[in-house]
Amino acid sequence: MNAALVFDPLFRVPFANGLLLALVLPLLGAYVRLRNEWLAALGLAQVTAAGGVTAILLGIHPLAGALGAAVLAAGIKGRTERSGNDVYAVLLFFGWSAALLGAANSVRGEELSHALLEGQLYFTTWANLGGAIALVALVAAAGPWLSKKLLLEHFFPDHLSANRQSPWRLHLAFDLLVAFSVALATESIGVMATFCLVFFPPWVAFRIASSWQRALVHSAGLAVTAYLVAFALAIAFDQPFGPVLVGTLVLSGLVRLPVPRHR
């Protein structure tokens, strides 16, 4: 155990990158859950992983491939004009197959497989941090408008059509935002950790929060707290970050869930 490494300047950029992702992903995850599309994160993560592997095989930066694949997947999903998890399940199967086949046919196959599963937060650079900062800025700028429209559509499904507004543009804008965030996160922390950040904090928050605003606060608070603990534990004990984050999120989330009362 080497706790001093937590404060090493070498890990400042990775720490800031992961912290921003841990703040934004659960907030988007709350709206994903509201739309009953919680499988979106895993489906898009697998597709972006496949895009990253393909980019490496083509000799370009994996982040570019991941972002391109995410945008393409979100566009395809948007054109189907279907809500729910079925489209994301298809993307999940395709992305998983393409990613592993690409890794198997690369000289860096084993390294790529581990990177996709565990992430590579410790090796992220200023480029990754710049993408995370851009994501935060994008969510801050577009979030209030998207939030209002998505909540309005959820509680008053006929509002958009009654006002001659097409829901397709709204869905596409949100899908692209989720795809962008998932692509950045998958490149940094891996497939399962990304899925857990989008899925688990809102799942807990929806069971303990008394209002929508409180659900958002609970989601972000749980994720950021778990991230800080997981980062310190992973560095101090020299462990892969992704599995430590997932385990910390699940354990801390289960502790916060109310205990059912039996009559």
Protein backbone atom coordinates (compact mmCIF):
# COMPACT_ATOMS: atom_id res chain seq x y z
CA MET A 1 0.00 0.00 0.00
CA ASN A 2 1.31 3.45 -0.96
CA ALA A 3 -1.17 6.17 -0.05
CA ALA A 4 1.26 8.93 -1.02
CA LEU A 5 0.77 8.08 -4.70
CA VAL A 6 -2.77 9.45 -4.53
CA PHE A 7 -1.30 12.97 -4.41
CA ASP A 8 1.37 12.36 -7.04
CA PRO A 9 1.27 15.07 -9.78
CA LEU A 10 1.36 12.24 -12.31
CA PHE A 11 -2.28 11.42 -11.51
CA ARG A 12 -3.69 14.97 -11.48
CA VAL A 13 -4.94 14.93 -15.08
CA PRO A 14 -6.46 11.42 -14.80
CA PHE A 15 -8.09 12.39 -11.50
CA ALA A 16 -9.68 15.55 -12.94
CA ASN A 17 -10.80 13.69 -16.06
CA GLY A 18 -12.52 10.95 -14.09
CA LEU A 19 -14.06 13.38 -11.63
CA LEU A 20 -15.78 15.35 -14.39
CA LEU A 21 -17.11 12.15 -15.93
CA ALA A 22 -18.36 10.93 -12.55
CA LEU A 23 -20.26 14.20 -12.17
CA VAL A 24 -21.90 14.31 -15.61
CA LEU A 25 -22.68 10.67 -16.42
CA PRO A 26 -25.14 10.06 -13.55
CA LEU A 27 -27.03 13.26 -14.41
CA LEU A 28 -27.51 12.07 -17.98
CA GLY A 29 -28.28 8.62 -16.60
CA ALA A 30 -31.27 10.02 -14.72
CA TYR A 31 -32.84 11.14 -17.99
CA VAL A 32 -31.89 7.86 -19.65
CA ARG A 33 -33.75 6.05 -16.88
CA LEU A 34 -36.67 8.46 -17.20
CA ARG A 35 -36.97 7.40 -20.86
CA ASN A 36 -36.65 3.72 -19.90
CA GLU A 37 -33.46 3.45 -21.97
CA TRP A 38 -31.05 2.41 -19.21
CA LEU A 39 -29.35 -0.05 -21.57
CA ALA A 40 -28.20 2.91 -23.67
CA ALA A 41 -24.92 3.29 -21.79
CA LEU A 42 -23.88 -0.33 -22.20
CA GLY A 43 -24.96 -0.53 -25.84
CA LEU A 44 -23.20 2.71 -26.77
CA ALA A 45 -20.16 1.79 -24.69
CA GLN A 46 -19.72 -1.45 -26.62
CA VAL A 47 -20.11 0.34 -29.94
CA THR A 48 -17.59 3.02 -28.97
CA ALA A 49 -15.21 0.34 -27.80
CA ALA A 50 -15.50 -1.28 -31.22
CA GLY A 51 -14.83 2.12 -32.79
CA GLY A 52 -11.73 2.56 -30.66
CA VAL A 53 -10.37 -0.86 -31.63
CA THR A 54 -11.08 -0.18 -35.31
CA ALA A 55 -9.28 3.16 -35.06
CA ILE A 56 -6.18 1.49 -33.64
CA LEU A 57 -6.21 -1.10 -36.42
CA LEU A 58 -6.42 1.77 -38.95
CA GLY A 59 -3.61 3.67 -37.27
CA ILE A 60 -5.63 6.65 -35.99
CA HIS A 61 -6.33 7.90 -32.46
CA PRO A 62 -8.76 5.57 -30.63
CA LEU A 63 -10.73 8.52 -29.22
CA ALA A 64 -11.55 9.65 -32.76
CA GLY A 65 -12.82 6.20 -33.64
CA ALA A 66 -14.83 5.94 -30.44
CA LEU A 67 -16.51 9.31 -30.98
CA GLY A 68 -17.25 8.53 -34.62
CA ALA A 69 -18.82 5.18 -33.74
CA ALA A 70 -20.89 6.77 -30.96
CA VAL A 71 -22.26 9.50 -33.24
CA LEU A 72 -23.09 6.95 -35.94
CA ALA A 73 -24.87 4.68 -33.44
CA ALA A 74 -26.85 7.59 -31.97
CA GLY A 75 -27.87 8.69 -35.48
CA ILE A 76 -29.04 5.21 -36.39
CA LYS A 77 -31.01 4.93 -33.17
CA GLY A 78 -32.55 8.36 -33.71
CA ARG A 79 -33.70 7.43 -37.21
CA THR A 80 -35.57 4.40 -35.86
CA GLU A 81 -37.76 6.78 -33.81
CA ARG A 82 -38.14 4.08 -31.17
CA SER A 83 -37.78 4.50 -27.41
CA GLY A 84 -36.85 1.77 -24.99
CA ASN A 85 -33.97 -0.68 -24.84
CA ASP A 86 -34.43 -2.90 -27.90
CA VAL A 87 -32.29 -0.81 -30.28
CA TYR A 88 -29.57 -0.49 -27.66
CA ALA A 89 -29.59 -4.26 -27.16
CA VAL A 90 -28.86 -4.70 -30.88
CA LEU A 91 -26.05 -2.14 -30.63
CA LEU A 92 -24.69 -3.97 -27.58
CA PHE A 93 -24.49 -7.31 -29.39
CA PHE A 94 -22.95 -5.79 -32.51
CA GLY A 95 -20.44 -3.70 -30.57
CA TRP A 96 -19.35 -6.59 -28.37
CA SER A 97 -18.80 -8.84 -31.39
CA ALA A 98 -16.93 -6.20 -33.40
CA ALA A 99 -14.74 -5.11 -30.48
CA LEU A 100 -13.59 -8.60 -29.54
CA LEU A 101 -13.06 -9.69 -33.13
CA GLY A 102 -11.01 -6.56 -33.79
CA ALA A 103 -8.94 -7.17 -30.67
CA ALA A 104 -8.43 -10.83 -31.55
CA ASN A 105 -7.01 -9.88 -34.95
CA SER A 106 -4.61 -7.28 -33.61
CA VAL A 107 -1.07 -7.77 -32.36
CA ARG A 108 -2.21 -5.81 -29.31
CA GLY A 109 -5.29 -7.97 -28.81
CA GLU A 110 -4.81 -8.86 -25.15
CA GLU A 111 -3.85 -5.29 -24.26
CA LEU A 112 -6.91 -3.94 -26.08
CA SER A 113 -9.25 -6.40 -24.37
CA HIS A 114 -8.01 -5.38 -20.93
CA ALA A 115 -8.27 -1.69 -21.82
CA LEU A 116 -11.89 -2.13 -22.93
CA LEU A 117 -12.87 -3.96 -19.76
CA GLU A 118 -10.83 -2.11 -17.15
CA GLY A 119 -10.33 1.27 -18.79
CA GLN A 120 -7.09 3.19 -18.79
CA LEU A 121 -7.78 6.17 -16.55
CA TYR A 122 -4.21 6.26 -15.24
CA PHE A 123 -2.91 6.84 -18.78
CA THR A 124 -5.40 9.49 -19.90
CA THR A 125 -3.94 12.74 -21.18
CA TRP A 126 -4.84 16.39 -21.64
CA ALA A 127 -6.78 15.38 -24.75
CA ASN A 128 -9.10 13.24 -22.64
CA LEU A 129 -9.42 15.98 -20.03
CA GLY A 130 -10.19 18.51 -22.75
CA GLY A 131 -12.99 16.26 -23.99
CA ALA A 132 -14.40 15.96 -20.46
CA ILE A 133 -14.30 19.75 -20.01
CA ALA A 134 -16.07 20.18 -23.35
CA LEU A 135 -18.71 17.68 -22.21
CA VAL A 136 -19.33 19.59 -18.98
CA ALA A 137 -19.66 22.83 -20.93
CA LEU A 138 -22.06 21.20 -23.39
CA VAL A 139 -24.24 19.78 -20.62
CA ALA A 140 -24.26 23.14 -18.83
CA ALA A 141 -25.33 24.90 -22.03
CA ALA A 142 -27.86 22.43 -23.43
CA GLY A 143 -28.90 20.67 -20.22
CA PRO A 144 -31.63 23.09 -19.04
CA TRP A 145 -33.35 23.08 -22.45
CA LEU A 146 -33.10 19.32 -22.82
CA SER A 147 -34.28 18.75 -19.26
CA LYS A 148 -37.37 20.90 -19.74
CA LYS A 149 -38.28 19.21 -23.03
CA LEU A 150 -37.65 15.65 -21.81
CA LEU A 151 -39.64 16.13 -18.61
CA LEU A 152 -42.45 17.79 -20.55
CA GLU A 153 -42.55 14.92 -23.02
CA HIS A 154 -42.53 12.35 -20.23
CA PHE A 155 -45.40 13.84 -18.22
CA PHE A 156 -47.36 15.25 -21.19
CA PRO A 157 -46.65 12.88 -24.13
CA ASP A 158 -48.92 14.73 -26.57
CA HIS A 159 -47.49 18.20 -25.89
CA LEU A 160 -44.93 18.21 -28.73
CA SER A 161 -47.31 16.92 -31.38
CA ALA A 162 -50.06 19.27 -30.22
CA ASN A 163 -47.67 22.18 -30.76
CA ARG A 164 -46.49 20.83 -34.12
CA GLN A 165 -43.03 20.08 -32.79
CA SER A 166 -41.18 16.99 -33.97
CA PRO A 167 -39.84 14.82 -31.11
CA TRP A 168 -37.21 13.39 -33.47
CA ARG A 169 -34.89 16.40 -33.12
CA LEU A 170 -35.19 16.32 -29.33
CA HIS A 171 -34.42 12.61 -29.18
CA LEU A 172 -31.51 12.92 -31.60
CA ALA A 173 -29.98 15.81 -29.64
CA PHE A 174 -30.20 13.86 -26.39
CA ASP A 175 -28.96 10.62 -27.97
CA LEU A 176 -25.93 12.44 -29.42
CA LEU A 177 -25.14 13.98 -26.04
CA VAL A 178 -25.32 10.59 -24.33
CA ALA A 179 -23.24 9.02 -27.11
CA PHE A 180 -20.56 11.70 -26.77
CA SER A 181 -20.37 11.26 -22.99
CA VAL A 182 -20.28 7.47 -23.19
CA ALA A 183 -17.55 7.56 -25.84
CA LEU A 184 -15.34 9.76 -23.67
CA ALA A 185 -15.97 7.65 -20.58
CA THR A 186 -15.41 4.31 -22.30
CA GLU A 187 -12.04 5.51 -23.55
CA SER A 188 -11.06 6.54 -20.01
CA ILE A 189 -12.64 4.10 -17.55
CA GLY A 190 -13.85 1.15 -19.63
CA VAL A 191 -17.17 -0.32 -20.68
CA MET A 192 -18.58 -1.62 -17.40
CA ALA A 193 -17.52 1.33 -15.25
CA THR A 194 -19.18 3.68 -17.75
CA PHE A 195 -22.37 1.63 -17.69
CA CYS A 196 -22.34 1.53 -13.90
CA LEU A 197 -21.98 5.33 -13.61
CA VAL A 198 -24.95 5.86 -15.92
CA PHE A 199 -27.14 3.11 -14.48
CA PHE A 200 -26.47 2.64 -10.78
CA PRO A 201 -26.58 6.11 -9.14
CA PRO A 202 -29.95 7.03 -10.75
CA TRP A 203 -31.29 3.58 -9.87
CA VAL A 204 -30.53 4.27 -6.22
CA ALA A 205 -31.63 7.92 -6.36
CA PHE A 206 -35.03 7.10 -7.83
CA ARG A 207 -35.74 4.99 -4.74
CA ILE A 208 -34.74 7.50 -2.09
CA ALA A 209 -35.41 10.94 -3.59
CA SER A 210 -38.62 12.85 -2.98
CA SER A 211 -38.37 15.07 -6.08
CA TRP A 212 -36.68 15.24 -9.46
CA GLN A 213 -34.12 17.81 -8.29
CA ARG A 214 -33.23 15.67 -5.30
CA ALA A 215 -32.86 12.64 -7.56
CA LEU A 216 -30.28 14.53 -9.63
CA VAL A 217 -28.42 15.65 -6.50
CA HIS A 218 -28.43 12.12 -5.06
CA SER A 219 -27.23 10.65 -8.36
CA ALA A 220 -24.30 13.03 -8.72
CA GLY A 221 -23.44 12.94 -5.01
CA LEU A 222 -23.32 9.15 -4.87
CA ALA A 223 -21.21 8.91 -8.02
CA VAL A 224 -18.69 11.59 -7.04
CA THR A 225 -18.30 10.20 -3.51
CA ALA A 226 -17.77 6.68 -4.81
CA TYR A 227 -15.30 7.99 -7.40
CA LEU A 228 -13.17 9.76 -4.79
CA VAL A 229 -13.05 6.65 -2.61
CA ALA A 230 -12.39 4.33 -5.55
CA PHE A 231 -9.60 6.51 -6.96
CA ALA A 232 -7.81 6.61 -3.61
CA LEU A 233 -8.19 2.85 -3.06
CA ALA A 234 -7.13 1.90 -6.60
CA ILE A 235 -4.00 4.06 -6.49
CA ALA A 236 -3.02 3.15 -2.94
CA PHE A 237 -3.41 -0.60 -3.48
CA ASP A 238 -2.22 -0.63 -7.12
CA GLN A 239 -5.50 -2.00 -8.51
CA PRO A 240 -7.25 -1.48 -11.87
CA PHE A 241 -9.56 1.49 -11.51
CA GLY A 242 -12.66 0.26 -13.35
CA PRO A 243 -13.44 -2.76 -11.15
CA VAL A 244 -12.70 -0.79 -7.98
CA LEU A 245 -15.10 1.97 -9.05
CA VAL A 246 -17.89 -0.47 -9.89
CA GLY A 247 -17.49 -2.31 -6.59
CA THR A 248 -17.42 0.93 -4.61
CA LEU A 249 -20.50 2.28 -6.40
CA VAL A 250 -22.51 -0.87 -5.78
CA LEU A 251 -21.53 -1.18 -2.11
CA SER A 252 -22.11 2.50 -1.31
CA GLY A 253 -25.39 2.50 -3.21
CA LEU A 254 -26.75 -0.56 -1.43
CA VAL A 255 -25.90 1.01 1.92
CA ARG A 256 -28.05 4.04 1.04
CA LEU A 257 -31.09 2.05 -0.06
CA PRO A 258 -33.90 2.00 2.52
CA VAL A 259 -34.52 -1.27 4.31
CA PRO A 260 -38.03 -2.66 3.60
CA ARG A 261 -40.24 -2.79 6.66
CA HIS A 262 -42.15 -5.99 7.19
CA ARG A 263 -45.51 -5.81 8.84
